[in-house]
Amino acid sequence: MSSRLAWIISITIFVLITIGTLTPFIEPPKRPEISSDKLHHLVAFWALVIPLSYIRLRNAIWVLPTAVFYGLLIEFIQPMVGRQGEFQDFLADALGAILGFVTAFLGVTIRNWRSASNS
């Protein structure tokens, strides 16, 4: 994956997360007893962290804390746009970001191992 493609993917995911979490509801959604909302948060932040961490693991030094801060910021902004900020959403965001880094780390480790074994 090229650096440019990783940036395009990450920025696209960032924009989609922003739209999805900060667009006011016309009518509050009906919540099922077991909400998939937390899973959506986790997967979104997992996907946000992977591209830039995968192309260069050192990027995680700033990508991971930035993603976690972004998740926290969203929860503070949501009440201002007619949404409800939830600490559990922030925890799902943070866990997703951490799992995204772990996934990128494992991907890089496998890629490097394959490269070394092919040499």
PDB file of N, CA and C in Angstrom:
ATOM      1  N   MET A   1       0.855  -1.177   0.000  1.00  0.00           N
ATOM      2  CA  MET A   1       0.000   0.000   0.000  1.00  0.00           C
ATOM      3  C   MET A   1       0.894   1.230   0.000  1.00  0.00           C
ATOM      4  N   SER A   2       0.574   2.167  -0.856  1.00  0.00           N
ATOM      5  CA  SER A   2       1.363   3.397  -0.916  1.00  0.00           C
ATOM      6  C   SER A   2       0.948   4.350   0.195  1.00  0.00           C
ATOM      7  N   SER A   3       1.835   5.256   0.497  1.00  0.00           N
ATOM      8  CA  SER A   3       1.561   6.266   1.532  1.00  0.00           C
ATOM      9  C   SER A   3       0.350   7.120   1.130  1.00  0.00           C
ATOM     10  N   ARG A   4       0.290   7.461  -0.146  1.00  0.00           N
ATOM     11  CA  ARG A   4      -0.821   8.292  -0.615  1.00  0.00           C
ATOM     12  C   ARG A   4      -2.157   7.574  -0.440  1.00  0.00           C
ATOM     13  N   LEU A   5      -2.202   6.290  -0.799  1.00  0.00           N
ATOM     14  CA  LEU A   5      -3.436   5.511  -0.652  1.00  0.00           C
ATOM     15  C   LEU A   5      -3.832   5.401   0.819  1.00  0.00           C
ATOM     16  N   ALA A   6      -2.855   5.193   1.686  1.00  0.00           N
ATOM     17  CA  ALA A   6      -3.146   5.108   3.125  1.00  0.00           C
ATOM     18  C   ALA A   6      -3.763   6.407   3.636  1.00  0.00           C
ATOM     19  N   TRP A   7      -3.233   7.534   3.198  1.00  0.00           N
ATOM     20  CA  TRP A   7      -3.795   8.826   3.597  1.00  0.00           C
ATOM     21  C   TRP A   7      -5.218   9.003   3.066  1.00  0.00           C
ATOM     22  N   ILE A   8      -5.432   8.633   1.811  1.00  0.00           N
ATOM     23  CA  ILE A   8      -6.776   8.767   1.219  1.00  0.00           C
ATOM     24  C   ILE A   8      -7.779   7.917   1.994  1.00  0.00           C
ATOM     25  N   ILE A   9      -7.411   6.677   2.293  1.00  0.00           N
ATOM     26  CA  ILE A   9      -8.300   5.793   3.049  1.00  0.00           C
ATOM     27  C   ILE A   9      -8.584   6.364   4.433  1.00  0.00           C
ATOM     28  N   SER A  10      -7.531   6.805   5.127  1.00  0.00           N
ATOM     29  CA  SER A  10      -7.701   7.328   6.486  1.00  0.00           C
ATOM     30  C   SER A  10      -8.547   8.598   6.513  1.00  0.00           C
ATOM     31  N   ILE A  11      -8.312   9.490   5.577  1.00  0.00           N
ATOM     32  CA  ILE A  11      -9.100  10.735   5.530  1.00  0.00           C
ATOM     33  C   ILE A  11     -10.555  10.420   5.204  1.00  0.00           C
ATOM     34  N   THR A  12     -10.786   9.483   4.292  1.00  0.00           N
ATOM     35  CA  THR A  12     -12.160   9.087   3.953  1.00  0.00           C
ATOM     36  C   THR A  12     -12.873   8.524   5.178  1.00  0.00           C
ATOM     37  N   ILE A  13     -12.201   7.648   5.902  1.00  0.00           N
ATOM     38  CA  ILE A  13     -12.796   7.069   7.113  1.00  0.00           C
ATOM     39  C   ILE A  13     -13.041   8.154   8.153  1.00  0.00           C
ATOM     40  N   PHE A  14     -12.098   9.081   8.298  1.00  0.00           N
ATOM     41  CA  PHE A  14     -12.255  10.201   9.238  1.00  0.00           C
ATOM     42  C   PHE A  14     -13.515  11.004   8.903  1.00  0.00           C
ATOM     43  N   VAL A  15     -13.696  11.317   7.640  1.00  0.00           N
ATOM     44  CA  VAL A  15     -14.870  12.093   7.211  1.00  0.00           C
ATOM     45  C   VAL A  15     -16.155  11.308   7.468  1.00  0.00           C
ATOM     46  N   LEU A  16     -16.148  10.021   7.147  1.00  0.00           N
ATOM     47  CA  LEU A  16     -17.341   9.202   7.377  1.00  0.00           C
ATOM     48  C   LEU A  16     -17.676   9.103   8.866  1.00  0.00           C
ATOM     49  N   ILE A  17     -16.661   8.957   9.717  1.00  0.00           N
ATOM     50  CA  ILE A  17     -16.900   8.925  11.165  1.00  0.00           C
ATOM     51  C   ILE A  17     -17.490  10.255  11.625  1.00  0.00           C
ATOM     52  N   THR A  18     -16.922  11.350  11.133  1.00  0.00           N
ATOM     53  CA  THR A  18     -17.403  12.671  11.527  1.00  0.00           C
ATOM     54  C   THR A  18     -18.864  12.861  11.129  1.00  0.00           C
ATOM     55  N   ILE A  19     -19.193  12.516   9.908  1.00  0.00           N
ATOM     56  CA  ILE A  19     -20.583  12.650   9.447  1.00  0.00           C
ATOM     57  C   ILE A  19     -21.499  11.732  10.252  1.00  0.00           C
ATOM     58  N   GLY A  20     -21.079  10.502  10.435  1.00  0.00           N
ATOM     59  CA  GLY A  20     -21.915   9.528  11.127  1.00  0.00           C
ATOM     60  C   GLY A  20     -22.147   9.825  12.594  1.00  0.00           C
ATOM     61  N   THR A  21     -21.182  10.467  13.233  1.00  0.00           N
ATOM     62  CA  THR A  21     -21.322  10.709  14.674  1.00  0.00           C
ATOM     63  C   THR A  21     -21.787  12.114  15.029  1.00  0.00           C
ATOM     64  N   LEU A  22     -21.679  13.050  14.091  1.00  0.00           N
ATOM     65  CA  LEU A  22     -22.041  14.426  14.429  1.00  0.00           C
ATOM     66  C   LEU A  22     -23.226  14.973  13.639  1.00  0.00           C
ATOM     67  N   THR A  23     -23.856  14.145  12.833  1.00  0.00           N
ATOM     68  CA  THR A  23     -25.066  14.566  12.136  1.00  0.00           C
ATOM     69  C   THR A  23     -26.232  14.452  13.111  1.00  0.00           C
ATOM     70  N   PRO A  24     -26.976  15.547  13.317  1.00  0.00           N
ATOM     71  CA  PRO A  24     -28.101  15.476  14.264  1.00  0.00           C
ATOM     72  C   PRO A  24     -29.164  14.481  13.807  1.00  0.00           C
ATOM     73  N   PHE A  25     -29.774  13.823  14.775  1.00  0.00           N
ATOM     74  CA  PHE A  25     -30.887  12.926  14.492  1.00  0.00           C
ATOM     75  C   PHE A  25     -32.146  13.748  14.313  1.00  0.00           C
ATOM     76  N   ILE A  26     -32.966  13.399  13.329  1.00  0.00           N
ATOM     77  CA  ILE A  26     -34.274  14.011  13.197  1.00  0.00           C
ATOM     78  C   ILE A  26     -35.179  13.421  14.278  1.00  0.00           C
ATOM     79  N   GLU A  27     -35.081  12.126  14.431  1.00  0.00           N
ATOM     80  CA  GLU A  27     -35.819  11.419  15.473  1.00  0.00           C
ATOM     81  C   GLU A  27     -34.834  10.448  16.120  1.00  0.00           C
ATOM     82  N   PRO A  28     -34.722  10.476  17.445  1.00  0.00           N
ATOM     83  CA  PRO A  28     -33.772   9.569  18.087  1.00  0.00           C
ATOM     84  C   PRO A  28     -34.054   8.120  17.704  1.00  0.00           C
ATOM     85  N   PRO A  29     -32.993   7.363  17.412  1.00  0.00           N
ATOM     86  CA  PRO A  29     -33.222   5.970  17.011  1.00  0.00           C
ATOM     87  C   PRO A  29     -33.722   5.137  18.175  1.00  0.00           C
ATOM     88  N   LYS A  30     -34.512   4.134  17.847  1.00  0.00           N
ATOM     89  CA  LYS A  30     -34.954   3.193  18.873  1.00  0.00           C
ATOM     90  C   LYS A  30     -33.801   2.243  19.122  1.00  0.00           C
ATOM     91  N   ARG A  31     -33.447   2.096  20.373  1.00  0.00           N
ATOM     92  CA  ARG A  31     -32.304   1.254  20.718  1.00  0.00           C
ATOM     93  C   ARG A  31     -32.768  -0.152  21.046  1.00  0.00           C
ATOM     94  N   PRO A  32     -32.178  -1.130  20.371  1.00  0.00           N
ATOM     95  CA  PRO A  32     -32.471  -2.500  20.766  1.00  0.00           C
ATOM     96  C   PRO A  32     -31.841  -2.778  22.125  1.00  0.00           C
ATOM     97  N   GLU A  33     -32.256  -3.846  22.763  1.00  0.00           N
ATOM     98  CA  GLU A  33     -31.706  -4.158  24.078  1.00  0.00           C
ATOM     99  C   GLU A  33     -30.194  -4.311  24.025  1.00  0.00           C
ATOM    100  N   ILE A  34     -29.701  -4.992  23.018  1.00  0.00           N
ATOM    101  CA  ILE A  34     -28.256  -5.110  22.835  1.00  0.00           C
ATOM    102  C   ILE A  34     -27.920  -4.280  21.606  1.00  0.00           C
ATOM    103  N   SER A  35     -27.261  -3.160  21.825  1.00  0.00           N
ATOM    104  CA  SER A  35     -26.992  -2.214  20.752  1.00  0.00           C
ATOM    105  C   SER A  35     -25.731  -2.577  19.981  1.00  0.00           C
ATOM    106  N   SER A  36     -25.809  -2.476  18.663  1.00  0.00           N
ATOM    107  CA  SER A  36     -24.630  -2.688  17.833  1.00  0.00           C
ATOM    108  C   SER A  36     -23.838  -1.393  17.691  1.00  0.00           C
ATOM    109  N   ASP A  37     -24.313  -0.331  18.319  1.00  0.00           N
ATOM    110  CA  ASP A  37     -23.664   0.974  18.245  1.00  0.00           C
ATOM    111  C   ASP A  37     -22.201   0.901  18.693  1.00  0.00           C
ATOM    112  N   LYS A  38     -21.937   0.196  19.761  1.00  0.00           N
ATOM    113  CA  LYS A  38     -20.554   0.106  20.269  1.00  0.00           C
ATOM    114  C   LYS A  38     -19.669  -0.634  19.278  1.00  0.00           C
ATOM    115  N   LEU A  39     -20.226  -1.651  18.633  1.00  0.00           N
ATOM    116  CA  LEU A  39     -19.470  -2.379  17.622  1.00  0.00           C
ATOM    117  C   LEU A  39     -19.151  -1.466  16.437  1.00  0.00           C
ATOM    118  N   HIS A  40     -20.093  -0.610  16.061  1.00  0.00           N
ATOM    119  CA  HIS A  40     -19.852   0.347  14.974  1.00  0.00           C
ATOM    120  C   HIS A  40     -18.691   1.272  15.334  1.00  0.00           C
ATOM    121  N   HIS A  41     -18.686   1.764  16.572  1.00  0.00           N
ATOM    122  CA  HIS A  41     -17.594   2.629  17.025  1.00  0.00           C
ATOM    123  C   HIS A  41     -16.269   1.890  16.959  1.00  0.00           C
ATOM    124  N   LEU A  42     -16.243   0.678  17.496  1.00  0.00           N
ATOM    125  CA  LEU A  42     -15.021  -0.103  17.536  1.00  0.00           C
ATOM    126  C   LEU A  42     -14.479  -0.347  16.123  1.00  0.00           C
ATOM    127  N   VAL A  43     -15.328  -0.783  15.220  1.00  0.00           N
ATOM    128  CA  VAL A  43     -14.893  -1.085  13.853  1.00  0.00           C
ATOM    129  C   VAL A  43     -14.437   0.175  13.121  1.00  0.00           C
ATOM    130  N   ALA A  44     -15.135   1.283  13.317  1.00  0.00           N
ATOM    131  CA  ALA A  44     -14.764   2.532  12.638  1.00  0.00           C
ATOM    132  C   ALA A  44     -13.367   2.994  13.066  1.00  0.00           C
ATOM    133  N   PHE A  45     -13.085   2.960  14.352  1.00  0.00           N
ATOM    134  CA  PHE A  45     -11.778   3.415  14.824  1.00  0.00           C
ATOM    135  C   PHE A  45     -10.686   2.385  14.553  1.00  0.00           C
ATOM    136  N   TRP A  46     -11.058   1.115  14.487  1.00  0.00           N
ATOM    137  CA  TRP A  46     -10.128   0.076  14.064  1.00  0.00           C
ATOM    138  C   TRP A  46      -9.672   0.376  12.628  1.00  0.00           C
ATOM    139  N   ALA A  47     -10.644   0.649  11.763  1.00  0.00           N
ATOM    140  CA  ALA A  47     -10.345   0.937  10.359  1.00  0.00           C
ATOM    141  C   ALA A  47      -9.594   2.256  10.187  1.00  0.00           C
ATOM    142  N   LEU A  48      -9.853   3.213  11.049  1.00  0.00           N
ATOM    143  CA  LEU A  48      -9.193   4.515  10.962  1.00  0.00           C
ATOM    144  C   LEU A  48      -7.691   4.402  11.205  1.00  0.00           C
ATOM    145  N   VAL A  49      -7.288   3.574  12.142  1.00  0.00           N
ATOM    146  CA  VAL A  49      -5.884   3.494  12.563  1.00  0.00           C
ATOM    147  C   VAL A  49      -5.034   2.601  11.653  1.00  0.00           C
ATOM    148  N   ILE A  50      -5.622   1.591  11.064  1.00  0.00           N
ATOM    149  CA  ILE A  50      -4.836   0.603  10.319  1.00  0.00           C
ATOM    150  C   ILE A  50      -4.005   1.188   9.162  1.00  0.00           C
ATOM    151  N   PRO A  51      -4.575   1.938   8.227  1.00  0.00           N
ATOM    152  CA  PRO A  51      -3.784   2.307   7.036  1.00  0.00           C
ATOM    153  C   PRO A  51      -2.478   3.046   7.341  1.00  0.00           C
ATOM    154  N   LEU A  52      -2.542   4.083   8.143  1.00  0.00           N
ATOM    155  CA  LEU A  52      -1.328   4.859   8.410  1.00  0.00           C
ATOM    156  C   LEU A  52      -0.356   4.117   9.317  1.00  0.00           C
ATOM    157  N   SER A  53      -0.871   3.248  10.180  1.00  0.00           N
ATOM    158  CA  SER A  53       0.013   2.447  11.025  1.00  0.00           C
ATOM    159  C   SER A  53       0.664   1.331  10.220  1.00  0.00           C
ATOM    160  N   TYR A  54      -0.053   0.789   9.255  1.00  0.00           N
ATOM    161  CA  TYR A  54       0.477  -0.316   8.460  1.00  0.00           C
ATOM    162  C   TYR A  54       1.619   0.140   7.553  1.00  0.00           C
ATOM    163  N   ILE A  55       1.480   1.314   6.935  1.00  0.00           N
ATOM    164  CA  ILE A  55       2.538   1.752   6.019  1.00  0.00           C
ATOM    165  C   ILE A  55       3.821   2.094   6.760  1.00  0.00           C
ATOM    166  N   ARG A  56       3.680   2.497   8.023  1.00  0.00           N
ATOM    167  CA  ARG A  56       4.862   2.799   8.842  1.00  0.00           C
ATOM    168  C   ARG A  56       4.437   2.701  10.307  1.00  0.00           C
ATOM    169  N   LEU A  57       4.931   1.689  10.999  1.00  0.00           N
ATOM    170  CA  LEU A  57       4.521   1.463  12.392  1.00  0.00           C
ATOM    171  C   LEU A  57       4.817   2.663  13.286  1.00  0.00           C
ATOM    172  N   ARG A  58       5.872   3.392  12.974  1.00  0.00           N
ATOM    173  CA  ARG A  58       6.192   4.576  13.795  1.00  0.00           C
ATOM    174  C   ARG A  58       5.096   5.634  13.759  1.00  0.00           C
ATOM    175  N   ASN A  59       4.267   5.601  12.729  1.00  0.00           N
ATOM    176  CA  ASN A  59       3.137   6.538  12.669  1.00  0.00           C
ATOM    177  C   ASN A  59       2.195   6.355  13.850  1.00  0.00           C
ATOM    178  N   ALA A  60       2.200   5.161  14.434  1.00  0.00           N
ATOM    179  CA  ALA A  60       1.311   4.895  15.574  1.00  0.00           C
ATOM    180  C   ALA A  60       1.605   5.816  16.749  1.00  0.00           C
ATOM    181  N   ILE A  61       2.818   6.358  16.803  1.00  0.00           N
ATOM    182  CA  ILE A  61       3.178   7.286  17.880  1.00  0.00           C
ATOM    183  C   ILE A  61       2.220   8.477  17.905  1.00  0.00           C
ATOM    184  N   TRP A  62       1.770   8.911  16.736  1.00  0.00           N
ATOM    185  CA  TRP A  62       0.815  10.029  16.700  1.00  0.00           C
ATOM    186  C   TRP A  62      -0.578   9.589  16.257  1.00  0.00           C
ATOM    187  N   VAL A  63      -0.684   8.538  15.438  1.00  0.00           N
ATOM    188  CA  VAL A  63      -1.998   8.106  14.946  1.00  0.00           C
ATOM    189  C   VAL A  63      -2.868   7.605  16.092  1.00  0.00           C
ATOM    190  N   LEU A  64      -2.312   6.756  16.937  1.00  0.00           N
ATOM    191  CA  LEU A  64      -3.101   6.162  18.022  1.00  0.00           C
ATOM    192  C   LEU A  64      -3.622   7.209  19.009  1.00  0.00           C
ATOM    193  N   PRO A  65      -2.758   8.081  19.567  1.00  0.00           N
ATOM    194  CA  PRO A  65      -3.312   9.091  20.486  1.00  0.00           C
ATOM    195  C   PRO A  65      -4.253  10.079  19.798  1.00  0.00           C
ATOM    196  N   THR A  66      -3.989  10.382  18.533  1.00  0.00           N
ATOM    197  CA  THR A  66      -4.880  11.298  17.809  1.00  0.00           C
ATOM    198  C   THR A  66      -6.255  10.671  17.635  1.00  0.00           C
ATOM    199  N   ALA A  67      -6.310   9.397  17.295  1.00  0.00           N
ATOM    200  CA  ALA A  67      -7.594   8.705  17.132  1.00  0.00           C
ATOM    201  C   ALA A  67      -8.354   8.650  18.453  1.00  0.00           C
ATOM    202  N   VAL A  68      -7.647   8.357  19.542  1.00  0.00           N
ATOM    203  CA  VAL A  68      -8.300   8.297  20.860  1.00  0.00           C
ATOM    204  C   VAL A  68      -8.827   9.681  21.246  1.00  0.00           C
ATOM    205  N   PHE A  69      -8.035  10.717  21.028  1.00  0.00           N
ATOM    206  CA  PHE A  69      -8.480  12.081  21.328  1.00  0.00           C
ATOM    207  C   PHE A  69      -9.678  12.466  20.457  1.00  0.00           C
ATOM    208  N   TYR A  70      -9.653  12.074  19.193  1.00  0.00           N
ATOM    209  CA  TYR A  70     -10.760  12.344  18.274  1.00  0.00           C
ATOM    210  C   TYR A  70     -12.049  11.695  18.783  1.00  0.00           C
ATOM    211  N   GLY A  71     -11.940  10.449  19.266  1.00  0.00           N
ATOM    212  CA  GLY A  71     -13.106   9.772  19.837  1.00  0.00           C
ATOM    213  C   GLY A  71     -13.661  10.514  21.042  1.00  0.00           C
ATOM    214  N   LEU A  72     -12.768  10.992  21.904  1.00  0.00           N
ATOM    215  CA  LEU A  72     -13.186  11.755  23.081  1.00  0.00           C
ATOM    216  C   LEU A  72     -13.826  13.082  22.666  1.00  0.00           C
ATOM    217  N   LEU A  73     -13.214  13.748  21.698  1.00  0.00           N
ATOM    218  CA  LEU A  73     -13.738  15.025  21.210  1.00  0.00           C
ATOM    219  C   LEU A  73     -15.147  14.870  20.638  1.00  0.00           C
ATOM    220  N   ILE A  74     -15.360  13.807  19.896  1.00  0.00           N
ATOM    221  CA  ILE A  74     -16.694  13.544  19.333  1.00  0.00           C
ATOM    222  C   ILE A  74     -17.741  13.475  20.446  1.00  0.00           C
ATOM    223  N   GLU A  75     -17.409  12.762  21.524  1.00  0.00           N
ATOM    224  CA  GLU A  75     -18.382  12.591  22.613  1.00  0.00           C
ATOM    225  C   GLU A  75     -18.681  13.918  23.310  1.00  0.00           C
ATOM    226  N   PHE A  76     -17.726  14.849  23.328  1.00  0.00           N
ATOM    227  CA  PHE A  76     -17.974  16.169  23.902  1.00  0.00           C
ATOM    228  C   PHE A  76     -18.785  17.055  22.964  1.00  0.00           C
ATOM    229  N   ILE A  77     -18.593  16.899  21.655  1.00  0.00           N
ATOM    230  CA  ILE A  77     -19.301  17.731  20.674  1.00  0.00           C
ATOM    231  C   ILE A  77     -20.734  17.260  20.460  1.00  0.00           C
ATOM    232  N   GLN A  78     -20.989  15.955  20.560  1.00  0.00           N
ATOM    233  CA  GLN A  78     -22.314  15.420  20.247  1.00  0.00           C
ATOM    234  C   GLN A  78     -23.469  16.130  20.953  1.00  0.00           C
ATOM    235  N   PRO A  79     -23.383  16.446  22.251  1.00  0.00           N
ATOM    236  CA  PRO A  79     -24.516  17.157  22.875  1.00  0.00           C
ATOM    237  C   PRO A  79     -24.793  18.531  22.243  1.00  0.00           C
ATOM    238  N   MET A  80     -23.795  19.118  21.600  1.00  0.00           N
ATOM    239  CA  MET A  80     -23.970  20.426  20.973  1.00  0.00           C
ATOM    240  C   MET A  80     -24.719  20.330  19.638  1.00  0.00           C
ATOM    241  N   VAL A  81     -24.812  19.108  19.090  1.00  0.00           N
ATOM    242  CA  VAL A  81     -25.488  18.927  17.807  1.00  0.00           C
ATOM    243  C   VAL A  81     -26.719  18.036  17.946  1.00  0.00           C
ATOM    244  N   GLY A  82     -27.245  17.964  19.154  1.00  0.00           N
ATOM    245  CA  GLY A  82     -28.469  17.209  19.370  1.00  0.00           C
ATOM    246  C   GLY A  82     -28.275  15.713  19.500  1.00  0.00           C
ATOM    247  N   ARG A  83     -27.074  15.287  19.766  1.00  0.00           N
ATOM    248  CA  ARG A  83     -26.788  13.864  19.957  1.00  0.00           C
ATOM    249  C   ARG A  83     -26.404  13.647  21.410  1.00  0.00           C
ATOM    250  N   GLN A  84     -26.301  12.415  21.801  1.00  0.00           N
ATOM    251  CA  GLN A  84     -25.938  12.095  23.178  1.00  0.00           C
ATOM    252  C   GLN A  84     -24.527  11.511  23.205  1.00  0.00           C
ATOM    253  N   GLY A  85     -23.624  12.205  23.890  1.00  0.00           N
ATOM    254  CA  GLY A  85     -22.276  11.688  24.050  1.00  0.00           C
ATOM    255  C   GLY A  85     -22.270  10.627  25.145  1.00  0.00           C
ATOM    256  N   GLU A  86     -21.586   9.526  24.900  1.00  0.00           N
ATOM    257  CA  GLU A  86     -21.555   8.440  25.872  1.00  0.00           C
ATOM    258  C   GLU A  86     -20.124   8.006  26.122  1.00  0.00           C
ATOM    259  N   PHE A  87     -19.788   7.823  27.391  1.00  0.00           N
ATOM    260  CA  PHE A  87     -18.456   7.369  27.760  1.00  0.00           C
ATOM    261  C   PHE A  87     -18.181   5.978  27.178  1.00  0.00           C
ATOM    262  N   GLN A  88     -19.199   5.133  27.109  1.00  0.00           N
ATOM    263  CA  GLN A  88     -19.020   3.796  26.551  1.00  0.00           C
ATOM    264  C   GLN A  88     -18.652   3.863  25.063  1.00  0.00           C
ATOM    265  N   ASP A  89     -19.173   4.866  24.348  1.00  0.00           N
ATOM    266  CA  ASP A  89     -18.787   5.045  22.945  1.00  0.00           C
ATOM    267  C   ASP A  89     -17.305   5.392  22.857  1.00  0.00           C
ATOM    268  N   PHE A  90     -16.857   6.272  23.751  1.00  0.00           N
ATOM    269  CA  PHE A  90     -15.437   6.625  23.778  1.00  0.00           C
ATOM    270  C   PHE A  90     -14.573   5.404  24.053  1.00  0.00           C
ATOM    271  N   LEU A  91     -15.000   4.561  24.991  1.00  0.00           N
ATOM    272  CA  LEU A  91     -14.232   3.345  25.285  1.00  0.00           C
ATOM    273  C   LEU A  91     -14.168   2.432  24.064  1.00  0.00           C
ATOM    274  N   ALA A  92     -15.279   2.318  23.340  1.00  0.00           N
ATOM    275  CA  ALA A  92     -15.295   1.508  22.114  1.00  0.00           C
ATOM    276  C   ALA A  92     -14.373   2.111  21.055  1.00  0.00           C
ATOM    277  N   ASP A  93     -14.359   3.450  20.952  1.00  0.00           N
ATOM    278  CA  ASP A  93     -13.457   4.132  20.016  1.00  0.00           C
ATOM    279  C   ASP A  93     -11.997   3.826  20.362  1.00  0.00           C
ATOM    280  N   ALA A  94     -11.656   3.978  21.638  1.00  0.00           N
ATOM    281  CA  ALA A  94     -10.275   3.756  22.087  1.00  0.00           C
ATOM    282  C   ALA A  94      -9.862   2.296  21.877  1.00  0.00           C
ATOM    283  N   LEU A  95     -10.739   1.370  22.221  1.00  0.00           N
ATOM    284  CA  LEU A  95     -10.430  -0.047  22.022  1.00  0.00           C
ATOM    285  C   LEU A  95     -10.260  -0.360  20.533  1.00  0.00           C
ATOM    286  N   GLY A  96     -11.118   0.213  19.705  1.00  0.00           N
ATOM    287  CA  GLY A  96     -10.994   0.019  18.261  1.00  0.00           C
ATOM    288  C   GLY A  96      -9.667   0.544  17.730  1.00  0.00           C
ATOM    289  N   ALA A  97      -9.249   1.718  18.213  1.00  0.00           N
ATOM    290  CA  ALA A  97      -7.967   2.290  17.782  1.00  0.00           C
ATOM    291  C   ALA A  97      -6.807   1.384  18.195  1.00  0.00           C
ATOM    292  N   ILE A  98      -6.853   0.887  19.416  1.00  0.00           N
ATOM    293  CA  ILE A  98      -5.790  -0.017  19.898  1.00  0.00           C
ATOM    294  C   ILE A  98      -5.771  -1.300  19.077  1.00  0.00           C
ATOM    295  N   LEU A  99      -6.945  -1.873  18.824  1.00  0.00           N
ATOM    296  CA  LEU A  99      -7.016  -3.092  18.014  1.00  0.00           C
ATOM    297  C   LEU A  99      -6.565  -2.832  16.572  1.00  0.00           C
ATOM    298  N   GLY A 100      -6.820  -1.634  16.070  1.00  0.00           N
ATOM    299  CA  GLY A 100      -6.330  -1.263  14.739  1.00  0.00           C
ATOM    300  C   GLY A 100      -4.816  -1.258  14.692  1.00  0.00           C
ATOM    301  N   PHE A 101      -4.193  -0.727  15.730  1.00  0.00           N
ATOM    302  CA  PHE A 101      -2.729  -0.752  15.781  1.00  0.00           C
ATOM    303  C   PHE A 101      -2.217  -2.185  15.872  1.00  0.00           C
ATOM    304  N   VAL A 102      -2.835  -2.990  16.726  1.00  0.00           N
ATOM    305  CA  VAL A 102      -2.415  -4.389  16.868  1.00  0.00           C
ATOM    306  C   VAL A 102      -2.535  -5.116  15.529  1.00  0.00           C
ATOM    307  N   THR A 103      -3.625  -4.876  14.812  1.00  0.00           N
ATOM    308  CA  THR A 103      -3.819  -5.494  13.503  1.00  0.00           C
ATOM    309  C   THR A 103      -2.731  -5.056  12.532  1.00  0.00           C
ATOM    310  N   ALA A 104      -2.434  -3.752  12.501  1.00  0.00           N
ATOM    311  CA  ALA A 104      -1.373  -3.243  11.624  1.00  0.00           C
ATOM    312  C   ALA A 104      -0.025  -3.841  12.009  1.00  0.00           C
ATOM    313  N   PHE A 105       0.248  -3.922  13.308  1.00  0.00           N
ATOM    314  CA  PHE A 105       1.506  -4.496  13.788  1.00  0.00           C
ATOM    315  C   PHE A 105       1.642  -5.954  13.335  1.00  0.00           C
ATOM    316  N   LEU A 106       0.572  -6.719  13.490  1.00  0.00           N
ATOM    317  CA  LEU A 106       0.608  -8.117  13.061  1.00  0.00           C
ATOM    318  C   LEU A 106       0.775  -8.216  11.539  1.00  0.00           C
ATOM    319  N   GLY A 107       0.114  -7.351  10.810  1.00  0.00           N
ATOM    320  CA  GLY A 107       0.246  -7.340   9.352  1.00  0.00           C
ATOM    321  C   GLY A 107       1.667  -7.035   8.908  1.00  0.00           C
ATOM    322  N   VAL A 108       2.289  -6.054   9.540  1.00  0.00           N
ATOM    323  CA  VAL A 108       3.676  -5.694   9.212  1.00  0.00           C
ATOM    324  C   VAL A 108       4.620  -6.827   9.601  1.00  0.00           C
ATOM    325  N   THR A 109       4.382  -7.433  10.751  1.00  0.00           N
ATOM    326  CA  THR A 109       5.222  -8.544  11.196  1.00  0.00           C
ATOM    327  C   THR A 109       5.148  -9.706  10.206  1.00  0.00           C
ATOM    328  N   ILE A 110       3.950 -10.049   9.767  1.00  0.00           N
ATOM    329  CA  ILE A 110       3.783 -11.128   8.784  1.00  0.00           C
ATOM    330  C   ILE A 110       4.427 -10.752   7.454  1.00  0.00           C
ATOM    331  N   ARG A 111       4.214  -9.519   7.022  1.00  0.00           N
ATOM    332  CA  ARG A 111       4.818  -9.049   5.757  1.00  0.00           C
ATOM    333  C   ARG A 111       6.336  -9.145   5.818  1.00  0.00           C
ATOM    334  N   ASN A 112       6.928  -8.688   6.921  1.00  0.00           N
ATOM    335  CA  ASN A 112       8.385  -8.729   7.068  1.00  0.00           C
ATOM    336  C   ASN A 112       8.899 -10.162   7.163  1.00  0.00           C
ATOM    337  N   TRP A 113       8.156 -11.016   7.855  1.00  0.00           N
ATOM    338  CA  TRP A 113       8.554 -12.414   7.983  1.00  0.00           C
ATOM    339  C   TRP A 113       8.540 -13.100   6.617  1.00  0.00           C
ATOM    340  N   ARG A 114       7.508 -12.818   5.834  1.00  0.00           N
ATOM    341  CA  ARG A 114       7.427 -13.393   4.482  1.00  0.00           C
ATOM    342  C   ARG A 114       8.558 -12.876   3.590  1.00  0.00           C
ATOM    343  N   SER A 115       8.854 -11.593   3.710  1.00  0.00           N
ATOM    344  CA  SER A 115       9.946 -11.018   2.907  1.00  0.00           C
ATOM    345  C   SER A 115      11.277 -11.661   3.272  1.00  0.00           C
ATOM    346  N   ALA A 116      11.495 -11.865   4.564  1.00  0.00           N
ATOM    347  CA  ALA A 116      12.748 -12.460   5.018  1.00  0.00           C
ATOM    348  C   ALA A 116      12.860 -13.915   4.590  1.00  0.00           C
ATOM    349  N   SER A 117      11.757 -14.636   4.607  1.00  0.00           N
ATOM    350  CA  SER A 117      11.801 -16.057   4.243  1.00  0.00           C
ATOM    351  C   SER A 117      11.912 -16.255   2.739  1.00  0.00           C
ATOM    352  N   ASN A 118      11.516 -15.235   1.950  1.00  0.00           N
ATOM    353  CA  ASN A 118      11.649 -15.307   0.490  1.00  0.00           C
ATOM    354  C   ASN A 118      13.036 -14.903   0.017  1.00  0.00           C
ATOM    355  N   SER A 119      13.810 -14.284   0.880  1.00  0.00           N
ATOM    356  CA  SER A 119      15.149 -13.819   0.492  1.00  0.00           C
ATOM    357  C   SER A 119      16.179 -14.902   0.549  1.00  0.00           C
TER     358      SER A 119
END
